[in-house]
Amino acid sequence: MKRITLLIAAILILGTTGQKAFAQYYFYDANSYNNPVMFELGASAGAMNCLTDIGGKKGLGKKFTKDMNLGNTQINGSIYLMATYKEAFSLRIEGTFGTVKSYDSILVNEKLTTQGRYQRNLNFKSKISEVAVIGEFHPLFTFVDWSLRDDRDPPRLSPYLAFGVGYFSFNPQAKSRRGDWIDLQPLSTEGQGFIEYPERKPYKLSQMNLIFGGGVRYELSPTFNLRAEFLYRKLSTDYLDDVSTKYIDNALFQNYYSGQQLQDAVDMASNQRTNTDPNNSYIFRKSENGIRGNPKNNDAYFTFNVKIGFTFGRESVR
């Protein structure tokens, strides 16, 4: 929280300094003009989805959005504060909140082609909380100085690219046969932290991510603007859904857990469908060292949001 407060203070100080350092301005329209540095406060709502080892589409899954299943789309929202220099470069701090989920049973119509993902029948959901610093690059305002153009007004529509870094928290849960939701990370479903699997380390529930994307901004008025924006988060973890590598020997759980926690660990680590292939011919198997997930591709999540922003720093002509 201290870092966030310091960052917001830095943006405000830089903006104030920028306004004093640059005396130039240009007209936004006949009734108002822009200062070199302006600010924006806004909020957004939209869709959130994820790419993980669970669910997806037919076959063993493909990279990026080729394995995206729209049926897993959830709602997200955000709030942000932004400083913009000459409408060409922006820096914002944004808090995003939403949910991701996926489940193998969504593949019921393709169950004969999933090579065991449908029979594995795993599921998960997780709340996402993210704080990010994101920069925007607006080409139409970077390469054209509209303050020198008397023949036409600056464009109201501006496409942009966005890049940033975020810090997000998650907590994968799975629905048990009892119908309640169980936290998966404490159960070490793939032996994370077990001495029998020294290479499998427990994963942290708060991590950094990299953000890439873009959007388009439209000026509704001198005070308000509207944006449509897509942002993709590249993660350094494959455990957003608690699934990454191979099954372990379920007998090992009794060395670490007891009672209901032991039963939950065994259940959540195993296939969740009993009517599996009697010949056990599919690639995802219950047996130790059978494939449970694909550790070669880290998980990801992404958002498509509509944003409404309130601009201040634009002044009226007197």
C-alpha atoms as a PDB file:
ATOM      1  CA  MET A   1       0.000   0.000   0.000  1.00  0.00           C
ATOM      2  CA  LYS A   2       2.892   2.386   0.748  1.00  0.00           C
ATOM      3  CA  ARG A   3       4.326   1.756  -2.724  1.00  0.00           C
ATOM      4  CA  ILE A   4       0.979   2.506  -4.346  1.00  0.00           C
ATOM      5  CA  THR A   5       0.615   5.743  -2.361  1.00  0.00           C
ATOM      6  CA  LEU A   6       4.143   6.838  -3.330  1.00  0.00           C
ATOM      7  CA  LEU A   7       3.472   6.061  -6.988  1.00  0.00           C
ATOM      8  CA  ILE A   8       0.275   8.108  -7.038  1.00  0.00           C
ATOM      9  CA  ALA A   9       2.089  10.978  -5.324  1.00  0.00           C
ATOM     10  CA  ALA A  10       4.891  10.783  -7.913  1.00  0.00           C
ATOM     11  CA  ILE A  11       2.392  10.976 -10.790  1.00  0.00           C
ATOM     12  CA  LEU A  12       0.727  14.032  -9.260  1.00  0.00           C
ATOM     13  CA  ILE A  13       4.050  15.776  -8.566  1.00  0.00           C
ATOM     14  CA  LEU A  14       5.332  15.092 -12.079  1.00  0.00           C
ATOM     15  CA  GLY A  15       2.082  16.377 -13.534  1.00  0.00           C
ATOM     16  CA  THR A  16       2.215  19.609 -11.533  1.00  0.00           C
ATOM     17  CA  THR A  17       5.875  20.125 -12.417  1.00  0.00           C
ATOM     18  CA  GLY A  18       5.132  19.419 -16.072  1.00  0.00           C
ATOM     19  CA  GLN A  19       2.424  22.040 -16.196  1.00  0.00           C
ATOM     20  CA  LYS A  20       4.805  24.653 -14.790  1.00  0.00           C
ATOM     21  CA  ALA A  21       7.733  23.619 -16.979  1.00  0.00           C
ATOM     22  CA  PHE A  22       5.855  23.719 -20.272  1.00  0.00           C
ATOM     23  CA  ALA A  23       4.020  26.919 -21.197  1.00  0.00           C
ATOM     24  CA  GLN A  24       2.810  25.516 -24.504  1.00  0.00           C
ATOM     25  CA  TYR A  25      -0.753  24.438 -25.034  1.00  0.00           C
ATOM     26  CA  TYR A  26      -3.081  23.736 -27.920  1.00  0.00           C
ATOM     27  CA  PHE A  27      -6.785  24.081 -28.431  1.00  0.00           C
ATOM     28  CA  TYR A  28      -8.914  21.008 -27.863  1.00  0.00           C
ATOM     29  CA  ASP A  29     -11.840  22.761 -29.510  1.00  0.00           C
ATOM     30  CA  ALA A  30     -13.151  26.324 -29.841  1.00  0.00           C
ATOM     31  CA  ASN A  31     -14.052  26.452 -26.164  1.00  0.00           C
ATOM     32  CA  SER A  32     -11.206  24.697 -24.361  1.00  0.00           C
ATOM     33  CA  TYR A  33      -7.489  23.963 -24.563  1.00  0.00           C
ATOM     34  CA  ASN A  34      -5.105  21.317 -23.238  1.00  0.00           C
ATOM     35  CA  ASN A  35      -2.245  21.768 -20.841  1.00  0.00           C
ATOM     36  CA  PRO A  36       0.845  19.657 -21.604  1.00  0.00           C
ATOM     37  CA  VAL A  37       0.066  17.328 -18.688  1.00  0.00           C
ATOM     38  CA  MET A  38      -3.480  16.312 -17.898  1.00  0.00           C
ATOM     39  CA  PHE A  39      -5.032  13.777 -15.557  1.00  0.00           C
ATOM     40  CA  GLU A  40      -7.779  11.238 -15.826  1.00  0.00           C
ATOM     41  CA  LEU A  41      -9.784   9.323 -13.238  1.00  0.00           C
ATOM     42  CA  GLY A  42     -11.874   6.442 -14.446  1.00  0.00           C
ATOM     43  CA  ALA A  43     -13.432   3.025 -14.054  1.00  0.00           C
ATOM     44  CA  SER A  44     -14.168   0.073 -16.296  1.00  0.00           C
ATOM     45  CA  ALA A  45     -16.178  -3.123 -16.579  1.00  0.00           C
ATOM     46  CA  GLY A  46     -15.862  -6.047 -18.927  1.00  0.00           C
ATOM     47  CA  ALA A  47     -14.959  -9.683 -19.501  1.00  0.00           C
ATOM     48  CA  MET A  48     -12.166 -11.777 -17.958  1.00  0.00           C
ATOM     49  CA  ASN A  49     -10.998 -15.180 -19.170  1.00  0.00           C
ATOM     50  CA  CYS A  50      -7.966 -17.422 -18.746  1.00  0.00           C
ATOM     51  CA  LEU A  51      -5.741 -19.949 -20.481  1.00  0.00           C
ATOM     52  CA  THR A  52      -4.837 -22.860 -18.174  1.00  0.00           C
ATOM     53  CA  ASP A  53      -4.394 -26.633 -18.232  1.00  0.00           C
ATOM     54  CA  ILE A  54      -8.060 -27.193 -17.368  1.00  0.00           C
ATOM     55  CA  GLY A  55     -10.859 -26.989 -19.917  1.00  0.00           C
ATOM     56  CA  GLY A  56      -9.979 -25.444 -23.241  1.00  0.00           C
ATOM     57  CA  LYS A  57     -10.985 -26.931 -26.575  1.00  0.00           C
ATOM     58  CA  LYS A  58     -10.732 -30.283 -28.324  1.00  0.00           C
ATOM     59  CA  GLY A  59      -7.525 -32.259 -28.523  1.00  0.00           C
ATOM     60  CA  LEU A  60      -4.648 -31.646 -26.114  1.00  0.00           C
ATOM     61  CA  GLY A  61      -5.011 -27.915 -26.440  1.00  0.00           C
ATOM     62  CA  LYS A  62      -3.145 -25.296 -28.428  1.00  0.00           C
ATOM     63  CA  LYS A  63      -1.246 -22.155 -27.555  1.00  0.00           C
ATOM     64  CA  PHE A  64      -2.747 -18.772 -26.807  1.00  0.00           C
ATOM     65  CA  THR A  65      -6.363 -18.045 -27.754  1.00  0.00           C
ATOM     66  CA  LYS A  66      -6.676 -21.175 -29.940  1.00  0.00           C
ATOM     67  CA  ASP A  67      -7.401 -23.026 -26.677  1.00  0.00           C
ATOM     68  CA  MET A  68      -9.742 -20.377 -25.264  1.00  0.00           C
ATOM     69  CA  ASN A  69     -13.261 -21.439 -24.349  1.00  0.00           C
ATOM     70  CA  LEU A  70     -15.674 -18.490 -24.264  1.00  0.00           C
ATOM     71  CA  GLY A  71     -17.947 -20.421 -21.924  1.00  0.00           C
ATOM     72  CA  ASN A  72     -15.517 -19.645 -19.087  1.00  0.00           C
ATOM     73  CA  THR A  73     -15.826 -15.858 -19.455  1.00  0.00           C
ATOM     74  CA  GLN A  74     -16.420 -13.961 -16.210  1.00  0.00           C
ATOM     75  CA  ILE A  75     -17.041 -10.317 -15.239  1.00  0.00           C
ATOM     76  CA  ASN A  76     -14.298  -7.962 -14.024  1.00  0.00           C
ATOM     77  CA  GLY A  77     -13.961  -4.288 -13.145  1.00  0.00           C
ATOM     78  CA  SER A  78     -11.248  -1.736 -12.475  1.00  0.00           C
ATOM     79  CA  ILE A  79     -10.506   1.790 -11.291  1.00  0.00           C
ATOM     80  CA  TYR A  80      -7.563   3.892 -12.415  1.00  0.00           C
ATOM     81  CA  LEU A  81      -5.718   7.206 -12.131  1.00  0.00           C
ATOM     82  CA  MET A  82      -3.692   8.394 -15.122  1.00  0.00           C
ATOM     83  CA  ALA A  83      -1.338  11.204 -16.108  1.00  0.00           C
ATOM     84  CA  THR A  84      -1.058  12.038 -19.821  1.00  0.00           C
ATOM     85  CA  TYR A  85       1.587  14.100 -21.615  1.00  0.00           C
ATOM     86  CA  LYS A  86       0.303  15.928 -24.722  1.00  0.00           C
ATOM     87  CA  GLU A  87      -2.183  13.080 -25.246  1.00  0.00           C
ATOM     88  CA  ALA A  88       0.681  11.010 -26.690  1.00  0.00           C
ATOM     89  CA  PHE A  89       2.046   9.168 -23.653  1.00  0.00           C
ATOM     90  CA  SER A  90       0.161   8.109 -20.545  1.00  0.00           C
ATOM     91  CA  LEU A  91       1.069   6.412 -17.303  1.00  0.00           C
ATOM     92  CA  ARG A  92      -1.644   4.985 -15.104  1.00  0.00           C
ATOM     93  CA  ILE A  93      -2.006   2.999 -11.938  1.00  0.00           C
ATOM     94  CA  GLU A  94      -4.954   0.619 -12.060  1.00  0.00           C
ATOM     95  CA  GLY A  95      -6.624  -1.829  -9.732  1.00  0.00           C
ATOM     96  CA  THR A  96      -8.450  -4.741 -11.396  1.00  0.00           C
ATOM     97  CA  PHE A  97     -10.735  -7.245  -9.690  1.00  0.00           C
ATOM     98  CA  GLY A  98     -12.409 -10.303 -11.178  1.00  0.00           C
ATOM     99  CA  THR A  99     -12.692 -14.073 -11.300  1.00  0.00           C
ATOM    100  CA  VAL A 100     -11.285 -16.777 -13.549  1.00  0.00           C
ATOM    101  CA  LYS A 101     -12.531 -20.330 -13.809  1.00  0.00           C
ATOM    102  CA  SER A 102     -12.382 -23.404 -15.990  1.00  0.00           C
ATOM    103  CA  TYR A 103     -13.587 -27.000 -15.896  1.00  0.00           C
ATOM    104  CA  ASP A 104     -12.969 -30.093 -17.993  1.00  0.00           C
ATOM    105  CA  SER A 105     -16.649 -30.991 -18.198  1.00  0.00           C
ATOM    106  CA  ILE A 106     -17.139 -28.054 -20.583  1.00  0.00           C
ATOM    107  CA  LEU A 107     -15.607 -30.397 -23.181  1.00  0.00           C
ATOM    108  CA  VAL A 108     -18.582 -32.761 -23.123  1.00  0.00           C
ATOM    109  CA  ASN A 109     -19.372 -32.175 -26.819  1.00  0.00           C
ATOM    110  CA  GLU A 110     -15.764 -32.941 -27.780  1.00  0.00           C
ATOM    111  CA  LYS A 111     -15.084 -35.692 -25.222  1.00  0.00           C
ATOM    112  CA  LEU A 112     -13.964 -38.200 -27.868  1.00  0.00           C
ATOM    113  CA  THR A 113     -11.231 -35.835 -29.103  1.00  0.00           C
ATOM    114  CA  THR A 114      -9.784 -34.490 -25.837  1.00  0.00           C
ATOM    115  CA  GLN A 115      -7.510 -37.500 -25.210  1.00  0.00           C
ATOM    116  CA  GLY A 116      -8.520 -37.649 -21.575  1.00  0.00           C
ATOM    117  CA  ARG A 117      -9.072 -34.056 -20.535  1.00  0.00           C
ATOM    118  CA  TYR A 118     -12.826 -34.595 -20.356  1.00  0.00           C
ATOM    119  CA  GLN A 119     -12.352 -37.845 -18.399  1.00  0.00           C
ATOM    120  CA  ARG A 120      -9.951 -36.101 -16.002  1.00  0.00           C
ATOM    121  CA  ASN A 121     -12.873 -33.840 -15.001  1.00  0.00           C
ATOM    122  CA  LEU A 122     -10.905 -31.317 -12.953  1.00  0.00           C
ATOM    123  CA  ASN A 123     -12.236 -27.830 -12.220  1.00  0.00           C
ATOM    124  CA  PHE A 124     -11.109 -24.612 -10.585  1.00  0.00           C
ATOM    125  CA  LYS A 125     -12.006 -21.013  -9.910  1.00  0.00           C
ATOM    126  CA  SER A 126     -10.018 -18.151  -8.428  1.00  0.00           C
ATOM    127  CA  LYS A 127     -10.602 -14.538  -7.522  1.00  0.00           C
ATOM    128  CA  ILE A 128      -8.069 -12.152  -9.055  1.00  0.00           C
ATOM    129  CA  SER A 129      -6.899  -8.898  -7.466  1.00  0.00           C
ATOM    130  CA  GLU A 130      -4.327  -6.911  -9.420  1.00  0.00           C
ATOM    131  CA  VAL A 131      -2.518  -3.596  -9.064  1.00  0.00           C
ATOM    132  CA  ALA A 132      -0.638  -2.525 -12.187  1.00  0.00           C
ATOM    133  CA  VAL A 133       1.378   0.338 -13.642  1.00  0.00           C
ATOM    134  CA  ILE A 134       0.568   0.641 -17.352  1.00  0.00           C
ATOM    135  CA  GLY A 135       1.969   2.948 -20.009  1.00  0.00           C
ATOM    136  CA  GLU A 136       0.093   3.971 -23.151  1.00  0.00           C
ATOM    137  CA  PHE A 137       1.513   5.022 -26.509  1.00  0.00           C
ATOM    138  CA  HIS A 138      -0.776   6.987 -28.875  1.00  0.00           C
ATOM    139  CA  PRO A 139       0.773   7.110 -32.392  1.00  0.00           C
ATOM    140  CA  LEU A 140      -1.633   9.746 -33.769  1.00  0.00           C
ATOM    141  CA  PHE A 141      -0.453  12.215 -31.143  1.00  0.00           C
ATOM    142  CA  THR A 142       3.190  11.083 -31.018  1.00  0.00           C
ATOM    143  CA  PHE A 143       4.030  11.813 -34.646  1.00  0.00           C
ATOM    144  CA  VAL A 144       1.782  14.829 -35.226  1.00  0.00           C
ATOM    145  CA  ASP A 145       2.011  18.071 -33.231  1.00  0.00           C
ATOM    146  CA  TRP A 146      -1.612  19.163 -33.358  1.00  0.00           C
ATOM    147  CA  SER A 147      -0.771  22.480 -31.669  1.00  0.00           C
ATOM    148  CA  LEU A 148       0.853  23.540 -34.970  1.00  0.00           C
ATOM    149  CA  ARG A 149      -2.066  22.463 -37.131  1.00  0.00           C
ATOM    150  CA  ASP A 150      -4.557  25.295 -37.689  1.00  0.00           C
ATOM    151  CA  ASP A 151      -6.343  23.532 -40.527  1.00  0.00           C
ATOM    152  CA  ARG A 152      -8.022  20.800 -38.509  1.00  0.00           C
ATOM    153  CA  ASP A 153      -8.912  19.782 -34.961  1.00  0.00           C
ATOM    154  CA  PRO A 154      -7.084  16.943 -33.165  1.00  0.00           C
ATOM    155  CA  PRO A 155      -8.746  13.549 -33.787  1.00  0.00           C
ATOM    156  CA  ARG A 156     -11.357  12.434 -31.273  1.00  0.00           C
ATOM    157  CA  LEU A 157     -10.507   8.766 -31.952  1.00  0.00           C
ATOM    158  CA  SER A 158      -7.053   7.534 -30.948  1.00  0.00           C
ATOM    159  CA  PRO A 159      -5.806   3.908 -31.054  1.00  0.00           C
ATOM    160  CA  TYR A 160      -3.015   3.048 -28.611  1.00  0.00           C
ATOM    161  CA  LEU A 161      -0.655   0.341 -27.410  1.00  0.00           C
ATOM    162  CA  ALA A 162      -0.348  -0.552 -23.729  1.00  0.00           C
ATOM    163  CA  PHE A 163       2.502  -2.151 -21.768  1.00  0.00           C
ATOM    164  CA  GLY A 164       2.914  -2.599 -18.043  1.00  0.00           C
ATOM    165  CA  VAL A 165       3.791  -4.640 -15.005  1.00  0.00           C
ATOM    166  CA  GLY A 166       1.383  -5.853 -12.358  1.00  0.00           C
ATOM    167  CA  TYR A 167       1.239  -7.528  -8.986  1.00  0.00           C
ATOM    168  CA  PHE A 168      -1.670  -9.925  -8.623  1.00  0.00           C
ATOM    169  CA  SER A 169      -3.058 -12.340  -6.053  1.00  0.00           C
ATOM    170  CA  PHE A 170      -5.022 -15.526  -6.700  1.00  0.00           C
ATOM    171  CA  ASN A 171      -6.264 -18.537  -4.764  1.00  0.00           C
ATOM    172  CA  PRO A 172      -7.295 -21.589  -6.823  1.00  0.00           C
ATOM    173  CA  GLN A 173     -10.231 -23.555  -5.459  1.00  0.00           C
ATOM    174  CA  ALA A 174     -12.001 -26.677  -6.696  1.00  0.00           C
ATOM    175  CA  LYS A 175     -15.534 -27.894  -6.095  1.00  0.00           C
ATOM    176  CA  SER A 176     -15.581 -31.115  -4.106  1.00  0.00           C
ATOM    177  CA  ARG A 177     -17.996 -34.009  -4.443  1.00  0.00           C
ATOM    178  CA  ARG A 178     -19.680 -32.607  -1.312  1.00  0.00           C
ATOM    179  CA  GLY A 179     -20.465 -29.425  -3.239  1.00  0.00           C
ATOM    180  CA  ASP A 180     -18.236 -26.992  -1.305  1.00  0.00           C
ATOM    181  CA  TRP A 181     -15.187 -25.121  -2.613  1.00  0.00           C
ATOM    182  CA  ILE A 182     -11.768 -26.184  -1.307  1.00  0.00           C
ATOM    183  CA  ASP A 183      -8.530 -24.169  -1.333  1.00  0.00           C
ATOM    184  CA  LEU A 184      -6.046 -26.156  -3.425  1.00  0.00           C
ATOM    185  CA  GLN A 185      -2.670 -24.575  -2.718  1.00  0.00           C
ATOM    186  CA  PRO A 186      -2.429 -25.877   0.899  1.00  0.00           C
ATOM    187  CA  LEU A 187      -3.108 -29.451  -0.320  1.00  0.00           C
ATOM    188  CA  SER A 188       0.021 -29.730  -2.541  1.00  0.00           C
ATOM    189  CA  THR A 189      -1.932 -31.752  -5.084  1.00  0.00           C
ATOM    190  CA  GLU A 190       1.176 -32.392  -7.190  1.00  0.00           C
ATOM    191  CA  GLY A 191       3.539 -32.894  -4.245  1.00  0.00           C
ATOM    192  CA  GLN A 192       4.760 -29.297  -3.993  1.00  0.00           C
ATOM    193  CA  GLY A 193       6.977 -29.081  -0.913  1.00  0.00           C
ATOM    194  CA  PHE A 194       7.115 -32.859  -0.370  1.00  0.00           C
ATOM    195  CA  ILE A 195      10.592 -34.274   0.260  1.00  0.00           C
ATOM    196  CA  GLU A 196       9.799 -36.976  -2.296  1.00  0.00           C
ATOM    197  CA  TYR A 197       9.579 -34.266  -4.993  1.00  0.00           C
ATOM    198  CA  PRO A 198      12.326 -31.741  -4.159  1.00  0.00           C
ATOM    199  CA  GLU A 199      12.046 -30.085  -7.578  1.00  0.00           C
ATOM    200  CA  ARG A 200       8.388 -29.157  -7.017  1.00  0.00           C
ATOM    201  CA  LYS A 201       8.320 -26.006  -4.894  1.00  0.00           C
ATOM    202  CA  PRO A 202       5.155 -24.529  -3.309  1.00  0.00           C
ATOM    203  CA  TYR A 203       3.824 -21.693  -5.440  1.00  0.00           C
ATOM    204  CA  LYS A 204       3.107 -18.230  -4.071  1.00  0.00           C
ATOM    205  CA  LEU A 205      -0.409 -16.807  -4.188  1.00  0.00           C
ATOM    206  CA  SER A 206       0.863 -13.288  -4.966  1.00  0.00           C
ATOM    207  CA  GLN A 207       3.146 -12.766  -7.950  1.00  0.00           C
ATOM    208  CA  MET A 208       4.269 -10.327 -10.631  1.00  0.00           C
ATOM    209  CA  ASN A 209       2.969 -10.360 -14.202  1.00  0.00           C
ATOM    210  CA  LEU A 210       3.693  -8.602 -17.483  1.00  0.00           C
ATOM    211  CA  ILE A 211       0.888  -6.830 -19.329  1.00  0.00           C
ATOM    212  CA  PHE A 212       0.520  -6.314 -23.083  1.00  0.00           C
ATOM    213  CA  GLY A 213      -2.376  -5.011 -25.099  1.00  0.00           C
ATOM    214  CA  GLY A 214      -4.020  -2.063 -26.720  1.00  0.00           C
ATOM    215  CA  GLY A 215      -7.205  -0.183 -27.246  1.00  0.00           C
ATOM    216  CA  VAL A 216      -8.899   2.827 -28.702  1.00  0.00           C
ATOM    217  CA  ARG A 217      -9.896   6.070 -26.982  1.00  0.00           C
ATOM    218  CA  TYR A 218     -12.784   8.264 -28.094  1.00  0.00           C
ATOM    219  CA  GLU A 219     -13.317  11.778 -26.731  1.00  0.00           C
ATOM    220  CA  LEU A 220     -16.994  12.147 -25.876  1.00  0.00           C
ATOM    221  CA  SER A 221     -16.524  15.730 -24.665  1.00  0.00           C
ATOM    222  CA  PRO A 222     -13.801  17.921 -23.151  1.00  0.00           C
ATOM    223  CA  THR A 223     -14.557  16.196 -19.832  1.00  0.00           C
ATOM    224  CA  PHE A 224     -15.292  12.540 -20.631  1.00  0.00           C
ATOM    225  CA  ASN A 225     -13.786   9.877 -22.850  1.00  0.00           C
ATOM    226  CA  LEU A 226     -14.661   6.288 -23.651  1.00  0.00           C
ATOM    227  CA  ARG A 227     -12.216   3.435 -24.250  1.00  0.00           C
ATOM    228  CA  ALA A 228     -12.317  -0.166 -25.422  1.00  0.00           C
ATOM    229  CA  GLU A 229      -9.240  -2.092 -24.308  1.00  0.00           C
ATOM    230  CA  PHE A 230      -7.766  -5.602 -24.403  1.00  0.00           C
ATOM    231  CA  LEU A 231      -5.004  -6.549 -21.933  1.00  0.00           C
ATOM    232  CA  TYR A 232      -3.158  -9.885 -21.805  1.00  0.00           C
ATOM    233  CA  ARG A 233      -1.268 -10.958 -18.672  1.00  0.00           C
ATOM    234  CA  LYS A 234       1.825 -13.105 -19.098  1.00  0.00           C
ATOM    235  CA  LEU A 235       2.400 -15.072 -15.878  1.00  0.00           C
ATOM    236  CA  SER A 236       5.499 -16.711 -14.431  1.00  0.00           C
ATOM    237  CA  THR A 237       3.434 -19.518 -12.885  1.00  0.00           C
ATOM    238  CA  ASP A 238       1.664 -22.558 -14.291  1.00  0.00           C
ATOM    239  CA  TYR A 239      -0.418 -22.965 -11.131  1.00  0.00           C
ATOM    240  CA  LEU A 240      -3.190 -20.421 -11.668  1.00  0.00           C
ATOM    241  CA  ASP A 241      -5.445 -23.504 -11.833  1.00  0.00           C
ATOM    242  CA  ASP A 242      -3.293 -25.666  -9.477  1.00  0.00           C
ATOM    243  CA  VAL A 243      -2.486 -28.011 -12.399  1.00  0.00           C
ATOM    244  CA  SER A 244       0.923 -28.192 -14.036  1.00  0.00           C
ATOM    245  CA  THR A 245       2.782 -31.477 -14.283  1.00  0.00           C
ATOM    246  CA  LYS A 246       2.283 -35.157 -13.302  1.00  0.00           C
ATOM    247  CA  TYR A 247       0.288 -37.148 -10.771  1.00  0.00           C
ATOM    248  CA  ILE A 248       1.988 -38.315  -7.599  1.00  0.00           C
ATOM    249  CA  ASP A 249       1.490 -41.452  -5.525  1.00  0.00           C
ATOM    250  CA  ASN A 250      -1.635 -40.683  -3.482  1.00  0.00           C
ATOM    251  CA  ALA A 251      -0.305 -42.821  -0.629  1.00  0.00           C
ATOM    252  CA  LEU A 252       2.224 -40.052   0.100  1.00  0.00           C
ATOM    253  CA  PHE A 253      -0.496 -37.663   1.278  1.00  0.00           C
ATOM    254  CA  GLN A 254      -0.884 -39.605   4.529  1.00  0.00           C
ATOM    255  CA  ASN A 255       2.682 -38.588   5.435  1.00  0.00           C
ATOM    256  CA  TYR A 256       1.595 -34.945   5.513  1.00  0.00           C
ATOM    257  CA  TYR A 257      -2.147 -34.777   6.186  1.00  0.00           C
ATOM    258  CA  SER A 258      -4.790 -36.489   8.246  1.00  0.00           C
ATOM    259  CA  GLY A 259      -8.564 -36.537   8.658  1.00  0.00           C
ATOM    260  CA  GLN A 260     -10.649 -34.473   6.243  1.00  0.00           C
ATOM    261  CA  GLN A 261      -7.616 -32.660   4.856  1.00  0.00           C
ATOM    262  CA  LEU A 262      -6.103 -36.016   3.838  1.00  0.00           C
ATOM    263  CA  GLN A 263      -9.305 -37.022   2.081  1.00  0.00           C
ATOM    264  CA  ASP A 264      -9.520 -33.652   0.327  1.00  0.00           C
ATOM    265  CA  ALA A 265      -5.906 -33.897  -0.871  1.00  0.00           C
ATOM    266  CA  VAL A 266      -6.461 -37.370  -2.343  1.00  0.00           C
ATOM    267  CA  ASP A 267      -9.726 -36.328  -4.003  1.00  0.00           C
ATOM    268  CA  MET A 268      -8.434 -33.063  -5.461  1.00  0.00           C
ATOM    269  CA  ALA A 269      -5.236 -34.681  -6.788  1.00  0.00           C
ATOM    270  CA  SER A 270      -7.140 -37.431  -8.600  1.00  0.00           C
ATOM    271  CA  ASN A 271      -9.373 -37.627 -11.623  1.00  0.00           C
ATOM    272  CA  GLN A 272     -12.865 -36.548 -10.664  1.00  0.00           C
ATOM    273  CA  ARG A 273     -14.796 -38.855 -12.985  1.00  0.00           C
ATOM    274  CA  THR A 274     -15.366 -42.505 -12.091  1.00  0.00           C
ATOM    275  CA  ASN A 275     -16.654 -43.690 -15.461  1.00  0.00           C
ATOM    276  CA  THR A 276     -13.264 -43.353 -17.153  1.00  0.00           C
ATOM    277  CA  ASP A 277     -11.996 -45.388 -20.066  1.00  0.00           C
ATOM    278  CA  PRO A 278     -11.964 -49.006 -18.838  1.00  0.00           C
ATOM    279  CA  ASN A 279      -8.838 -49.668 -20.877  1.00  0.00           C
ATOM    280  CA  ASN A 280      -7.102 -46.674 -19.292  1.00  0.00           C
ATOM    281  CA  SER A 281      -5.905 -45.743 -22.790  1.00  0.00           C
ATOM    282  CA  TYR A 282      -6.217 -41.975 -22.493  1.00  0.00           C
ATOM    283  CA  ILE A 283      -3.154 -39.899 -21.805  1.00  0.00           C
ATOM    284  CA  PHE A 284      -4.321 -38.415 -18.470  1.00  0.00           C
ATOM    285  CA  ARG A 285      -4.101 -41.244 -15.924  1.00  0.00           C
ATOM    286  CA  LYS A 286      -4.505 -41.550 -12.163  1.00  0.00           C
ATOM    287  CA  SER A 287      -1.299 -43.537 -11.802  1.00  0.00           C
ATOM    288  CA  GLU A 288       1.881 -41.974 -10.456  1.00  0.00           C
ATOM    289  CA  ASN A 289       3.811 -40.045 -13.118  1.00  0.00           C
ATOM    290  CA  GLY A 290       0.778 -39.994 -15.414  1.00  0.00           C
ATOM    291  CA  ILE A 291       0.305 -36.669 -17.192  1.00  0.00           C
ATOM    292  CA  ARG A 292      -1.866 -34.244 -15.212  1.00  0.00           C
ATOM    293  CA  GLY A 293      -0.953 -30.984 -16.959  1.00  0.00           C
ATOM    294  CA  ASN A 294       1.526 -29.368 -19.337  1.00  0.00           C
ATOM    295  CA  PRO A 295       4.404 -27.578 -17.546  1.00  0.00           C
ATOM    296  CA  LYS A 296       5.818 -26.222 -20.828  1.00  0.00           C
ATOM    297  CA  ASN A 297       3.213 -23.433 -21.048  1.00  0.00           C
ATOM    298  CA  ASN A 298       2.556 -21.082 -18.147  1.00  0.00           C
ATOM    299  CA  ASP A 299      -0.998 -19.977 -17.460  1.00  0.00           C
ATOM    300  CA  ALA A 300      -2.386 -16.583 -18.449  1.00  0.00           C
ATOM    301  CA  TYR A 301      -5.456 -14.416 -18.003  1.00  0.00           C
ATOM    302  CA  PHE A 302      -6.783 -11.474 -19.969  1.00  0.00           C
ATOM    303  CA  THR A 303      -9.491  -8.834 -19.989  1.00  0.00           C
ATOM    304  CA  PHE A 304     -11.587  -6.902 -22.479  1.00  0.00           C
ATOM    305  CA  ASN A 305     -13.015  -3.781 -20.844  1.00  0.00           C
ATOM    306  CA  VAL A 306     -14.985  -0.677 -21.661  1.00  0.00           C
ATOM    307  CA  LYS A 307     -13.615   2.309 -19.729  1.00  0.00           C
ATOM    308  CA  ILE A 308     -15.137   5.677 -18.914  1.00  0.00           C
ATOM    309  CA  GLY A 309     -12.714   8.426 -17.919  1.00  0.00           C
ATOM    310  CA  PHE A 310     -13.080  11.888 -16.391  1.00  0.00           C
ATOM    311  CA  THR A 311     -10.410  14.305 -17.646  1.00  0.00           C
ATOM    312  CA  PHE A 312      -9.157  17.199 -15.559  1.00  0.00           C
ATOM    313  CA  GLY A 313      -6.427  19.642 -16.522  1.00  0.00           C
ATOM    314  CA  ARG A 314      -8.231  20.795 -19.676  1.00  0.00           C
ATOM    315  CA  GLU A 315      -9.139  24.477 -19.347  1.00  0.00           C
ATOM    316  CA  SER A 316     -11.864  26.664 -20.794  1.00  0.00           C
ATOM    317  CA  VAL A 317     -11.152  29.581 -23.093  1.00  0.00           C
ATOM    318  CA  ARG A 318     -11.932  32.874 -21.398  1.00  0.00           C
END
